[in-house]
Amino acid sequence: MTPETQSLTSRALCELAPVIPVLVVKDAGKAEGLATALVAGGLPVLEVTLRTPAALDVIREMAKVPGGHVGAGTVLTPDDAKRAKDAGASFAVSPGATERLVRACEEIGLPLLPGAVTASEVMRAMEYGYSMLKFFPAEAAGGAKSLKALAGPLPQVSFCPTGGVSLGNARDYLSLPNVICVGGSWISPDEDVALGNWDAIETRAREASGLR
């Protein structure tokens, strides 16, 4: 799978809903209920960050939920990419882009959403063949104003901003011509996940799904 094909696949996933929930899940026993609530609320694309020991098991469980597209976030190395795909991830998300990671995802056929912030990083990703990128950390890097500025010289590139994105500012990003969707963690707070409060999470997901 070439980077160009990967980018088209990532773009298609990003177009499915205005928000991709960014999930840090510590207990794989909560995975099915959480994914079911999010998908039922209209958010079928889920990013499970590889930041907990349970992350790969969480991906395995969420991949079983009908209607969902589960990917791995915080993918930093070729080994991360391989383990994520073996666990059932249908895509990978990285805060940056390295040649080793790009080539590894190409070799194993795992669509990659690589990260970029500066014009130079975006241009480097373009040289690899990517036109759909993650913009991280969005708020710390200038937020919607920075993305709007990038749209001028680089209109052929689209973004999924994450990092500091919330219900309060998501529309600022989604109104930009170069933003396809946003990534956010506000939809499934730790307390609701720990309590299995799936109704509250589904309600939040439904609200987020109507943002576009």
N, C-alpha and C. Protein backbone atom coordinates (compact mmCIF):
# COMPACT_ATOMS: atom_id res chain seq x y z
N MET A 1 0.84 -1.19 0.00
CA MET A 1 0.00 0.00 0.00
C MET A 1 0.88 1.25 0.00
N THR A 2 0.80 2.03 -1.07
CA THR A 2 1.64 3.22 -1.18
C THR A 2 1.14 4.31 -0.23
N PRO A 3 2.00 5.27 0.11
CA PRO A 3 1.53 6.39 0.95
C PRO A 3 0.35 7.13 0.33
N GLU A 4 0.33 7.24 -1.01
CA GLU A 4 -0.80 7.90 -1.65
C GLU A 4 -2.11 7.16 -1.38
N THR A 5 -2.06 5.83 -1.48
CA THR A 5 -3.24 5.02 -1.20
C THR A 5 -3.60 5.09 0.28
N GLN A 6 -2.56 5.05 1.14
CA GLN A 6 -2.79 5.19 2.58
C GLN A 6 -3.51 6.49 2.87
N SER A 7 -3.05 7.56 2.24
CA SER A 7 -3.61 8.88 2.50
C SER A 7 -5.07 8.95 2.06
N LEU A 8 -5.39 8.34 0.92
CA LEU A 8 -6.77 8.31 0.45
C LEU A 8 -7.65 7.52 1.41
N THR A 9 -7.11 6.42 1.94
CA THR A 9 -7.86 5.61 2.90
C THR A 9 -8.09 6.39 4.19
N SER A 10 -7.05 7.06 4.67
CA SER A 10 -7.18 7.86 5.89
C SER A 10 -8.19 8.98 5.69
N ARG A 11 -8.15 9.61 4.52
CA ARG A 11 -9.11 10.69 4.24
C ARG A 11 -10.54 10.15 4.26
N ALA A 12 -10.76 8.98 3.67
CA ALA A 12 -12.09 8.38 3.65
C ALA A 12 -12.59 8.11 5.06
N LEU A 13 -11.69 7.63 5.93
CA LEU A 13 -12.08 7.40 7.32
C LEU A 13 -12.40 8.72 8.02
N CYS A 14 -11.59 9.73 7.79
CA CYS A 14 -11.80 11.03 8.43
C CYS A 14 -13.11 11.67 7.99
N GLU A 15 -13.58 11.32 6.80
CA GLU A 15 -14.82 11.89 6.29
C GLU A 15 -16.07 11.23 6.86
N LEU A 16 -15.91 10.14 7.61
CA LEU A 16 -17.07 9.41 8.12
C LEU A 16 -17.79 10.14 9.24
N ALA A 17 -17.08 10.98 9.98
CA ALA A 17 -17.68 11.72 11.09
C ALA A 17 -16.83 12.94 11.40
N PRO A 18 -17.42 13.97 12.00
CA PRO A 18 -16.64 15.18 12.27
C PRO A 18 -15.63 15.04 13.41
N VAL A 19 -15.80 14.01 14.24
CA VAL A 19 -14.91 13.82 15.38
C VAL A 19 -14.42 12.39 15.46
N ILE A 20 -13.13 12.23 15.67
CA ILE A 20 -12.55 10.93 15.99
C ILE A 20 -12.22 10.92 17.48
N PRO A 21 -12.89 10.10 18.27
CA PRO A 21 -12.56 10.02 19.69
C PRO A 21 -11.14 9.51 19.89
N VAL A 22 -10.37 10.22 20.69
CA VAL A 22 -9.01 9.80 21.04
C VAL A 22 -9.10 9.15 22.42
N LEU A 23 -8.81 7.85 22.47
CA LEU A 23 -9.10 7.05 23.65
C LEU A 23 -7.83 6.54 24.33
N VAL A 24 -7.75 6.79 25.63
CA VAL A 24 -6.68 6.23 26.46
C VAL A 24 -7.38 5.29 27.45
N VAL A 25 -7.37 4.00 27.15
CA VAL A 25 -8.17 3.04 27.92
C VAL A 25 -7.24 2.12 28.70
N LYS A 26 -7.48 2.03 30.00
CA LYS A 26 -6.62 1.24 30.88
C LYS A 26 -7.13 -0.17 31.13
N ASP A 27 -8.41 -0.40 30.84
CA ASP A 27 -9.04 -1.69 31.15
C ASP A 27 -9.71 -2.24 29.90
N ALA A 28 -9.18 -3.34 29.38
CA ALA A 28 -9.75 -3.93 28.16
C ALA A 28 -11.18 -4.41 28.38
N GLY A 29 -11.54 -4.62 29.62
CA GLY A 29 -12.91 -5.04 29.93
C GLY A 29 -13.95 -3.96 29.61
N LYS A 30 -13.50 -2.73 29.46
CA LYS A 30 -14.40 -1.63 29.13
C LYS A 30 -14.48 -1.38 27.62
N ALA A 31 -13.65 -2.06 26.86
CA ALA A 31 -13.48 -1.74 25.44
C ALA A 31 -14.76 -1.92 24.64
N GLU A 32 -15.42 -3.06 24.78
CA GLU A 32 -16.60 -3.32 23.96
C GLU A 32 -17.72 -2.33 24.26
N GLY A 33 -17.99 -2.09 25.52
CA GLY A 33 -19.05 -1.16 25.90
C GLY A 33 -18.77 0.25 25.41
N LEU A 34 -17.52 0.68 25.52
CA LEU A 34 -17.13 2.01 25.10
C LEU A 34 -17.28 2.16 23.58
N ALA A 35 -16.75 1.21 22.84
CA ALA A 35 -16.84 1.28 21.39
C ALA A 35 -18.28 1.23 20.92
N THR A 36 -19.09 0.38 21.54
CA THR A 36 -20.50 0.27 21.16
C THR A 36 -21.22 1.60 21.36
N ALA A 37 -20.95 2.26 22.47
CA ALA A 37 -21.59 3.55 22.77
C ALA A 37 -21.18 4.62 21.76
N LEU A 38 -19.90 4.65 21.42
CA LEU A 38 -19.40 5.66 20.49
C LEU A 38 -19.95 5.45 19.09
N VAL A 39 -19.97 4.20 18.64
CA VAL A 39 -20.49 3.91 17.31
C VAL A 39 -22.00 4.20 17.26
N ALA A 40 -22.71 3.82 18.31
CA ALA A 40 -24.15 4.08 18.36
C ALA A 40 -24.44 5.57 18.34
N GLY A 41 -23.52 6.37 18.89
CA GLY A 41 -23.68 7.82 18.91
C GLY A 41 -23.28 8.51 17.63
N GLY A 42 -22.84 7.72 16.64
CA GLY A 42 -22.52 8.30 15.34
C GLY A 42 -21.05 8.58 15.10
N LEU A 43 -20.18 8.02 15.94
CA LEU A 43 -18.74 8.21 15.77
C LEU A 43 -18.10 6.84 15.53
N PRO A 44 -18.01 6.39 14.28
CA PRO A 44 -17.54 5.04 14.00
C PRO A 44 -16.03 4.87 13.95
N VAL A 45 -15.29 5.97 13.85
CA VAL A 45 -13.82 5.89 13.73
C VAL A 45 -13.20 6.20 15.09
N LEU A 46 -12.48 5.23 15.63
CA LEU A 46 -11.96 5.33 16.99
C LEU A 46 -10.44 5.20 16.99
N GLU A 47 -9.78 6.07 17.74
CA GLU A 47 -8.32 6.02 17.87
C GLU A 47 -7.96 5.60 19.29
N VAL A 48 -7.38 4.43 19.44
CA VAL A 48 -6.93 3.92 20.74
C VAL A 48 -5.44 4.17 20.85
N THR A 49 -5.05 5.06 21.73
CA THR A 49 -3.63 5.41 21.84
C THR A 49 -2.85 4.28 22.51
N LEU A 50 -1.64 4.07 22.03
CA LEU A 50 -0.77 3.03 22.61
C LEU A 50 -0.03 3.58 23.82
N ARG A 51 -0.79 4.06 24.79
CA ARG A 51 -0.19 4.69 25.97
C ARG A 51 -0.44 3.89 27.25
N THR A 52 -1.13 2.77 27.12
CA THR A 52 -1.39 1.94 28.29
C THR A 52 -1.03 0.50 27.97
N PRO A 53 -0.70 -0.30 28.99
CA PRO A 53 -0.39 -1.71 28.75
C PRO A 53 -1.57 -2.47 28.13
N ALA A 54 -2.79 -1.97 28.33
CA ALA A 54 -3.97 -2.67 27.82
C ALA A 54 -4.33 -2.28 26.39
N ALA A 55 -3.63 -1.33 25.79
CA ALA A 55 -4.04 -0.75 24.52
C ALA A 55 -4.28 -1.78 23.41
N LEU A 56 -3.36 -2.72 23.25
CA LEU A 56 -3.52 -3.70 22.17
C LEU A 56 -4.72 -4.62 22.41
N ASP A 57 -4.94 -4.97 23.67
CA ASP A 57 -6.12 -5.78 23.99
C ASP A 57 -7.39 -4.98 23.76
N VAL A 58 -7.34 -3.70 24.04
CA VAL A 58 -8.49 -2.82 23.81
C VAL A 58 -8.82 -2.79 22.32
N ILE A 59 -7.78 -2.66 21.48
CA ILE A 59 -7.98 -2.66 20.03
C ILE A 59 -8.61 -3.98 19.59
N ARG A 60 -8.12 -5.09 20.13
CA ARG A 60 -8.67 -6.40 19.76
C ARG A 60 -10.17 -6.48 20.06
N GLU A 61 -10.56 -5.98 21.22
CA GLU A 61 -11.97 -6.05 21.61
C GLU A 61 -12.82 -5.09 20.80
N MET A 62 -12.31 -3.87 20.59
CA MET A 62 -13.09 -2.88 19.85
C MET A 62 -13.24 -3.26 18.39
N ALA A 63 -12.26 -3.97 17.86
CA ALA A 63 -12.33 -4.37 16.44
C ALA A 63 -13.49 -5.34 16.19
N LYS A 64 -14.04 -5.93 17.23
CA LYS A 64 -15.16 -6.86 17.09
C LYS A 64 -16.51 -6.15 17.02
N VAL A 65 -16.54 -4.87 17.34
CA VAL A 65 -17.81 -4.13 17.40
C VAL A 65 -18.28 -3.77 16.00
N PRO A 66 -19.47 -4.20 15.61
CA PRO A 66 -19.97 -3.93 14.25
C PRO A 66 -20.07 -2.43 13.97
N GLY A 67 -19.66 -2.04 12.78
CA GLY A 67 -19.79 -0.66 12.37
C GLY A 67 -18.64 0.24 12.75
N GLY A 68 -17.69 -0.30 13.51
CA GLY A 68 -16.57 0.52 13.97
C GLY A 68 -15.32 0.36 13.12
N HIS A 69 -14.49 1.38 13.11
CA HIS A 69 -13.19 1.35 12.46
C HIS A 69 -12.17 1.76 13.53
N VAL A 70 -11.43 0.79 14.01
CA VAL A 70 -10.54 1.03 15.16
C VAL A 70 -9.09 1.16 14.70
N GLY A 71 -8.46 2.24 15.11
CA GLY A 71 -7.06 2.45 14.77
C GLY A 71 -6.22 2.62 16.02
N ALA A 72 -4.92 2.59 15.82
CA ALA A 72 -3.97 2.77 16.91
C ALA A 72 -3.37 4.16 16.83
N GLY A 73 -3.35 4.86 17.95
CA GLY A 73 -2.72 6.16 18.03
C GLY A 73 -1.38 6.08 18.74
N THR A 74 -0.62 7.16 18.68
CA THR A 74 0.72 7.23 19.26
C THR A 74 1.60 6.11 18.70
N VAL A 75 1.48 5.87 17.41
CA VAL A 75 2.33 4.88 16.73
C VAL A 75 3.63 5.59 16.36
N LEU A 76 4.73 5.14 16.97
CA LEU A 76 6.01 5.83 16.82
C LEU A 76 7.05 5.05 16.05
N THR A 77 6.94 3.73 16.03
CA THR A 77 7.98 2.89 15.45
C THR A 77 7.36 1.83 14.53
N PRO A 78 8.19 1.21 13.69
CA PRO A 78 7.69 0.09 12.88
C PRO A 78 7.11 -1.03 13.73
N ASP A 79 7.71 -1.29 14.89
CA ASP A 79 7.19 -2.34 15.78
C ASP A 79 5.81 -1.97 16.30
N ASP A 80 5.60 -0.70 16.65
CA ASP A 80 4.27 -0.25 17.07
C ASP A 80 3.25 -0.54 15.98
N ALA A 81 3.61 -0.22 14.74
CA ALA A 81 2.70 -0.41 13.62
C ALA A 81 2.35 -1.88 13.43
N LYS A 82 3.35 -2.74 13.50
CA LYS A 82 3.11 -4.18 13.31
C LYS A 82 2.22 -4.74 14.41
N ARG A 83 2.53 -4.39 15.65
CA ARG A 83 1.74 -4.91 16.77
C ARG A 83 0.30 -4.40 16.69
N ALA A 84 0.14 -3.16 16.26
CA ALA A 84 -1.21 -2.60 16.14
C ALA A 84 -2.01 -3.34 15.07
N LYS A 85 -1.39 -3.57 13.93
CA LYS A 85 -2.11 -4.29 12.86
C LYS A 85 -2.42 -5.71 13.29
N ASP A 86 -1.49 -6.37 13.95
CA ASP A 86 -1.73 -7.74 14.41
C ASP A 86 -2.88 -7.80 15.41
N ALA A 87 -3.09 -6.70 16.14
CA ALA A 87 -4.17 -6.65 17.13
C ALA A 87 -5.52 -6.34 16.49
N GLY A 88 -5.50 -5.96 15.21
CA GLY A 88 -6.75 -5.69 14.53
C GLY A 88 -6.97 -4.24 14.14
N ALA A 89 -5.97 -3.38 14.34
CA ALA A 89 -6.12 -1.97 13.96
C ALA A 89 -6.25 -1.85 12.44
N SER A 90 -7.17 -1.00 12.00
CA SER A 90 -7.38 -0.80 10.56
C SER A 90 -6.66 0.45 10.05
N PHE A 91 -6.06 1.21 10.96
CA PHE A 91 -5.25 2.36 10.58
C PHE A 91 -4.36 2.75 11.75
N ALA A 92 -3.37 3.59 11.47
CA ALA A 92 -2.45 4.06 12.50
C ALA A 92 -2.38 5.57 12.47
N VAL A 93 -2.17 6.16 13.64
CA VAL A 93 -2.03 7.61 13.77
C VAL A 93 -0.73 7.90 14.50
N SER A 94 0.04 8.84 13.98
CA SER A 94 1.31 9.19 14.60
C SER A 94 1.40 10.69 14.81
N PRO A 95 2.06 11.15 15.88
CA PRO A 95 2.21 12.59 16.07
C PRO A 95 3.18 13.23 15.07
N GLY A 96 3.96 12.41 14.38
CA GLY A 96 4.91 12.92 13.40
C GLY A 96 5.04 11.96 12.23
N ALA A 97 6.13 12.09 11.51
CA ALA A 97 6.36 11.20 10.36
C ALA A 97 7.86 10.98 10.19
N THR A 98 8.27 9.72 10.22
CA THR A 98 9.66 9.38 9.93
C THR A 98 9.67 8.43 8.74
N GLU A 99 10.78 8.40 8.05
CA GLU A 99 10.87 7.53 6.88
C GLU A 99 10.70 6.07 7.28
N ARG A 100 11.27 5.67 8.43
CA ARG A 100 11.15 4.27 8.87
C ARG A 100 9.69 3.91 9.11
N LEU A 101 8.95 4.78 9.75
CA LEU A 101 7.55 4.49 10.04
C LEU A 101 6.72 4.47 8.75
N VAL A 102 6.96 5.43 7.88
CA VAL A 102 6.23 5.49 6.61
C VAL A 102 6.46 4.21 5.81
N ARG A 103 7.72 3.78 5.70
CA ARG A 103 8.03 2.58 4.92
C ARG A 103 7.45 1.33 5.56
N ALA A 104 7.48 1.28 6.89
CA ALA A 104 6.95 0.10 7.59
C ALA A 104 5.45 -0.04 7.35
N CYS A 105 4.72 1.06 7.43
CA CYS A 105 3.28 1.01 7.20
C CYS A 105 2.97 0.66 5.75
N GLU A 106 3.82 1.14 4.85
CA GLU A 106 3.67 0.79 3.44
C GLU A 106 3.84 -0.71 3.24
N GLU A 107 4.85 -1.28 3.89
CA GLU A 107 5.15 -2.70 3.72
C GLU A 107 4.06 -3.61 4.27
N ILE A 108 3.45 -3.22 5.39
CA ILE A 108 2.45 -4.10 6.01
C ILE A 108 1.03 -3.73 5.60
N GLY A 109 0.89 -2.69 4.78
CA GLY A 109 -0.44 -2.32 4.29
C GLY A 109 -1.34 -1.70 5.35
N LEU A 110 -0.75 -0.90 6.24
CA LEU A 110 -1.52 -0.25 7.30
C LEU A 110 -1.63 1.24 6.99
N PRO A 111 -2.83 1.74 6.70
CA PRO A 111 -3.00 3.17 6.43
C PRO A 111 -2.50 4.01 7.59
N LEU A 112 -1.75 5.04 7.28
CA LEU A 112 -1.14 5.89 8.30
C LEU A 112 -1.65 7.31 8.17
N LEU A 113 -2.01 7.89 9.31
CA LEU A 113 -2.31 9.32 9.39
C LEU A 113 -1.16 9.96 10.15
N PRO A 114 -0.16 10.48 9.43
CA PRO A 114 1.02 11.04 10.10
C PRO A 114 0.80 12.48 10.54
N GLY A 115 1.57 12.90 11.51
CA GLY A 115 1.41 14.24 12.05
C GLY A 115 2.38 15.24 11.46
N ALA A 116 1.94 16.50 11.38
CA ALA A 116 2.78 17.60 10.93
C ALA A 116 2.21 18.89 11.48
N VAL A 117 3.10 19.85 11.75
CA VAL A 117 2.68 21.14 12.29
C VAL A 117 3.20 22.29 11.43
N THR A 118 4.49 22.28 11.15
CA THR A 118 5.09 23.37 10.39
C THR A 118 4.95 23.13 8.89
N ALA A 119 5.15 24.21 8.12
CA ALA A 119 5.10 24.08 6.66
C ALA A 119 6.14 23.09 6.17
N SER A 120 7.33 23.09 6.77
CA SER A 120 8.37 22.16 6.35
C SER A 120 7.97 20.72 6.61
N GLU A 121 7.35 20.47 7.77
CA GLU A 121 6.89 19.11 8.08
C GLU A 121 5.78 18.67 7.13
N VAL A 122 4.89 19.59 6.79
CA VAL A 122 3.82 19.27 5.84
C VAL A 122 4.41 18.95 4.48
N MET A 123 5.38 19.76 4.04
CA MET A 123 6.00 19.53 2.73
C MET A 123 6.76 18.21 2.70
N ARG A 124 7.38 17.83 3.81
CA ARG A 124 8.08 16.55 3.87
C ARG A 124 7.08 15.41 3.77
N ALA A 125 5.95 15.54 4.44
CA ALA A 125 4.91 14.51 4.35
C ALA A 125 4.38 14.42 2.93
N MET A 126 4.26 15.55 2.27
CA MET A 126 3.82 15.56 0.87
C MET A 126 4.81 14.81 -0.02
N GLU A 127 6.09 14.98 0.27
CA GLU A 127 7.12 14.27 -0.51
C GLU A 127 6.99 12.76 -0.35
N TYR A 128 6.55 12.32 0.84
CA TYR A 128 6.32 10.90 1.06
C TYR A 128 5.08 10.41 0.30
N GLY A 129 4.18 11.34 -0.01
CA GLY A 129 2.96 10.97 -0.73
C GLY A 129 1.68 11.22 0.05
N TYR A 130 1.76 11.91 1.18
CA TYR A 130 0.59 12.12 2.03
C TYR A 130 -0.05 13.48 1.80
N SER A 131 -1.38 13.49 1.74
CA SER A 131 -2.12 14.74 1.63
C SER A 131 -3.18 14.86 2.73
N MET A 132 -3.27 13.84 3.58
CA MET A 132 -4.16 13.86 4.75
C MET A 132 -3.30 13.68 5.99
N LEU A 133 -3.29 14.69 6.87
CA LEU A 133 -2.35 14.70 7.99
C LEU A 133 -3.06 15.01 9.31
N LYS A 134 -2.41 14.58 10.38
CA LYS A 134 -2.80 14.99 11.72
C LYS A 134 -2.08 16.30 12.04
N PHE A 135 -2.76 17.22 12.71
CA PHE A 135 -2.15 18.47 13.15
C PHE A 135 -2.10 18.44 14.67
N PHE A 136 -0.90 18.22 15.21
CA PHE A 136 -0.76 18.00 16.66
C PHE A 136 0.54 18.63 17.17
N PRO A 137 0.50 19.27 18.34
CA PRO A 137 -0.64 19.56 19.21
C PRO A 137 -1.36 20.83 18.76
N ALA A 138 -2.61 20.71 18.39
CA ALA A 138 -3.32 21.76 17.68
C ALA A 138 -3.35 23.10 18.42
N GLU A 139 -3.87 23.11 19.63
CA GLU A 139 -4.00 24.38 20.35
C GLU A 139 -2.64 24.97 20.69
N ALA A 140 -1.71 24.14 21.11
CA ALA A 140 -0.37 24.62 21.47
C ALA A 140 0.39 25.15 20.26
N ALA A 141 0.03 24.68 19.07
CA ALA A 141 0.72 25.08 17.85
C ALA A 141 0.03 26.23 17.12
N GLY A 142 -0.88 26.89 17.80
CA GLY A 142 -1.51 28.05 17.19
C GLY A 142 -2.96 27.86 16.81
N GLY A 143 -3.47 26.67 16.99
CA GLY A 143 -4.89 26.42 16.79
C GLY A 143 -5.40 26.66 15.39
N ALA A 144 -6.66 27.07 15.32
CA ALA A 144 -7.33 27.25 14.04
C ALA A 144 -6.65 28.33 13.19
N LYS A 145 -6.07 29.33 13.83
CA LYS A 145 -5.39 30.40 13.08
C LYS A 145 -4.20 29.84 12.30
N SER A 146 -3.44 28.95 12.92
CA SER A 146 -2.29 28.35 12.22
C SER A 146 -2.74 27.50 11.05
N LEU A 147 -3.79 26.72 11.25
CA LEU A 147 -4.29 25.87 10.16
C LEU A 147 -4.84 26.72 9.01
N LYS A 148 -5.51 27.79 9.35
CA LYS A 148 -6.03 28.69 8.32
C LYS A 148 -4.88 29.27 7.51
N ALA A 149 -3.78 29.61 8.18
CA ALA A 149 -2.62 30.17 7.49
C ALA A 149 -1.98 29.15 6.56
N LEU A 150 -1.94 27.87 6.98
CA LEU A 150 -1.35 26.83 6.14
C LEU A 150 -2.16 26.57 4.88
N ALA A 151 -3.46 26.86 4.93
CA ALA A 151 -4.33 26.60 3.79
C ALA A 151 -3.96 27.46 2.59
N GLY A 152 -3.34 28.61 2.84
CA GLY A 152 -2.97 29.50 1.74
C GLY A 152 -1.93 28.88 0.81
N PRO A 153 -0.72 28.58 1.32
CA PRO A 153 0.32 28.02 0.45
C PRO A 153 0.19 26.52 0.20
N LEU A 154 -0.62 25.82 1.04
CA LEU A 154 -0.68 24.36 0.94
C LEU A 154 -2.14 23.89 0.89
N PRO A 155 -2.90 24.37 -0.09
CA PRO A 155 -4.34 24.06 -0.13
C PRO A 155 -4.65 22.60 -0.44
N GLN A 156 -3.66 21.87 -0.97
CA GLN A 156 -3.91 20.48 -1.36
C GLN A 156 -3.83 19.51 -0.18
N VAL A 157 -3.51 20.00 1.00
CA VAL A 157 -3.37 19.15 2.18
C VAL A 157 -4.53 19.39 3.14
N SER A 158 -5.07 18.29 3.67
CA SER A 158 -6.16 18.36 4.65
C SER A 158 -5.66 17.84 6.00
N PHE A 159 -6.38 18.23 7.06
CA PHE A 159 -5.90 17.92 8.41
C PHE A 159 -7.00 17.39 9.32
N CYS A 160 -6.53 16.62 10.32
CA CYS A 160 -7.34 16.26 11.48
C CYS A 160 -6.61 16.81 12.70
N PRO A 161 -6.98 18.00 13.18
CA PRO A 161 -6.31 18.57 14.35
C PRO A 161 -6.70 17.86 15.64
N THR A 162 -5.72 17.59 16.48
CA THR A 162 -5.96 17.03 17.81
C THR A 162 -5.02 17.70 18.80
N GLY A 163 -5.39 17.62 20.07
CA GLY A 163 -4.56 18.24 21.11
C GLY A 163 -5.17 19.55 21.55
N GLY A 164 -5.97 19.52 22.61
CA GLY A 164 -6.63 20.72 23.09
C GLY A 164 -7.94 21.02 22.39
N VAL A 165 -8.38 20.13 21.52
CA VAL A 165 -9.67 20.33 20.84
C VAL A 165 -10.79 19.88 21.78
N SER A 166 -11.83 20.69 21.85
CA SER A 166 -12.94 20.42 22.77
C SER A 166 -14.26 20.75 22.08
N LEU A 167 -15.34 20.46 22.77
CA LEU A 167 -16.66 20.81 22.24
C LEU A 167 -16.75 22.31 22.00
N GLY A 168 -16.07 23.08 22.86
CA GLY A 168 -16.15 24.53 22.77
C GLY A 168 -15.44 25.13 21.57
N ASN A 169 -14.38 24.48 21.08
CA ASN A 169 -13.64 25.07 19.95
C ASN A 169 -13.63 24.21 18.69
N ALA A 170 -14.29 23.06 18.73
CA ALA A 170 -14.26 22.15 17.58
C ALA A 170 -14.78 22.80 16.31
N ARG A 171 -15.84 23.59 16.43
CA ARG A 171 -16.41 24.22 15.23
C ARG A 171 -15.45 25.23 14.60
N ASP A 172 -14.58 25.84 15.41
CA ASP A 172 -13.59 26.77 14.86
C ASP A 172 -12.69 26.05 13.86
N TYR A 173 -12.36 24.80 14.19
CA TYR A 173 -11.53 23.99 13.29
C TYR A 173 -12.34 23.47 12.11
N LEU A 174 -13.52 22.94 12.40
CA LEU A 174 -14.31 22.28 11.36
C LEU A 174 -14.81 23.26 10.30
N SER A 175 -14.80 24.55 10.62
CA SER A 175 -15.24 25.54 9.64
C SER A 175 -14.16 25.85 8.60
N LEU A 176 -12.93 25.36 8.83
CA LEU A 176 -11.83 25.65 7.92
C LEU A 176 -11.88 24.74 6.69
N PRO A 177 -11.49 25.25 5.53
CA PRO A 177 -11.57 24.43 4.32
C PRO A 177 -10.59 23.27 4.29
N ASN A 178 -9.51 23.34 5.08
CA ASN A 178 -8.50 22.28 5.08
C ASN A 178 -8.62 21.33 6.27
N VAL A 179 -9.74 21.39 6.98
CA VAL A 179 -9.98 20.48 8.11
C VAL A 179 -11.13 19.54 7.76
N ILE A 180 -10.86 18.24 7.80
CA ILE A 180 -11.87 17.22 7.50
C ILE A 180 -12.62 16.80 8.76
N CYS A 181 -11.87 16.63 9.85
CA CYS A 181 -12.45 16.25 11.12
C CYS A 181 -11.50 16.68 12.22
N VAL A 182 -11.89 16.47 13.47
CA VAL A 182 -11.02 16.75 14.59
C VAL A 182 -10.92 15.50 15.46
N GLY A 183 -9.87 15.44 16.27
CA GLY A 183 -9.73 14.37 17.24
C GLY A 183 -9.86 14.93 18.63
N GLY A 184 -10.60 14.26 19.50
CA GLY A 184 -10.79 14.78 20.84
C GLY A 184 -11.05 13.71 21.87
N SER A 185 -10.71 14.01 23.10
CA SER A 185 -10.88 13.05 24.19
C SER A 185 -12.03 13.41 25.13
N TRP A 186 -12.71 14.53 24.86
CA TRP A 186 -13.74 14.98 25.79
C TRP A 186 -14.97 14.08 25.79
N ILE A 187 -15.14 13.28 24.77
CA ILE A 187 -16.37 12.51 24.62
C ILE A 187 -16.44 11.35 25.63
N SER A 188 -15.30 10.83 26.00
CA SER A 188 -15.29 9.68 26.92
C SER A 188 -14.35 9.94 28.09
N PRO A 189 -14.76 10.78 29.03
CA PRO A 189 -13.92 11.06 30.20
C PRO A 189 -13.66 9.79 31.03
N ASP A 190 -12.51 9.77 31.68
CA ASP A 190 -12.09 8.59 32.44
C ASP A 190 -13.15 8.12 33.43
N GLU A 191 -13.81 9.06 34.09
CA GLU A 191 -14.77 8.68 35.13
C GLU A 191 -15.94 7.89 34.53
N ASP A 192 -16.44 8.36 33.38
CA ASP A 192 -17.56 7.65 32.75
C ASP A 192 -17.14 6.28 32.25
N VAL A 193 -15.92 6.18 31.72
CA VAL A 193 -15.43 4.88 31.26
C VAL A 193 -15.29 3.93 32.44
N ALA A 194 -14.71 4.40 33.54
CA ALA A 194 -14.51 3.55 34.72
C ALA A 194 -15.84 3.05 35.28
N LEU A 195 -16.87 3.90 35.22
CA LEU A 195 -18.18 3.53 35.77
C LEU A 195 -19.04 2.79 34.76
N GLY A 196 -18.57 2.71 33.51
CA GLY A 196 -19.38 2.07 32.47
C GLY A 196 -20.62 2.89 32.15
N ASN A 197 -20.48 4.21 32.21
CA ASN A 197 -21.61 5.10 31.97
C ASN A 197 -21.77 5.32 30.47
N TRP A 198 -22.20 4.27 29.78
CA TRP A 198 -22.23 4.28 28.33
C TRP A 198 -23.30 5.22 27.77
N ASP A 199 -24.41 5.39 28.50
CA ASP A 199 -25.46 6.29 28.02
C ASP A 199 -24.93 7.72 27.91
N ALA A 200 -24.18 8.17 28.90
CA ALA A 200 -23.63 9.53 28.88
C ALA A 200 -22.65 9.68 27.73
N ILE A 201 -21.84 8.65 27.50
CA ILE A 201 -20.86 8.70 26.42
C ILE A 201 -21.56 8.69 25.06
N GLU A 202 -22.60 7.89 24.93
CA GLU A 202 -23.34 7.88 23.67
C GLU A 202 -24.00 9.23 23.41
N THR A 203 -24.51 9.86 24.45
CA THR A 203 -25.13 11.19 24.30
C THR A 203 -24.09 12.21 23.84
N ARG A 204 -22.92 12.17 24.44
CA ARG A 204 -21.84 13.09 24.04
C ARG A 204 -21.40 12.81 22.60
N ALA A 205 -21.33 11.54 22.25
CA ALA A 205 -20.96 11.18 20.89
C ALA A 205 -21.98 11.69 19.88
N ARG A 206 -23.25 11.60 20.22
CA ARG A 206 -24.30 12.06 19.32
C ARG A 206 -24.20 13.58 19.12
N GLU A 207 -23.89 14.26 20.21
CA GLU A 207 -23.71 15.72 20.11
C GLU A 207 -22.52 16.05 19.22
N ALA A 208 -21.43 15.31 19.39
CA ALA A 208 -20.23 15.55 18.57
C ALA A 208 -20.46 15.21 17.11
N SER A 209 -21.26 14.19 16.85
CA SER A 209 -21.49 13.77 15.47
C SER A 209 -22.27 14.82 14.69
N GLY A 210 -22.93 15.74 15.40
CA GLY A 210 -23.70 16.79 14.73
C GLY A 210 -22.93 18.09 14.56
N LEU A 211 -21.65 18.07 14.83
CA LEU A 211 -20.87 19.31 14.78
C LEU A 211 -20.58 19.78 13.37
N ARG A 212 -20.48 18.88 12.42
CA ARG A 212 -20.09 19.30 11.07
C ARG A 212 -21.20 20.12 10.43
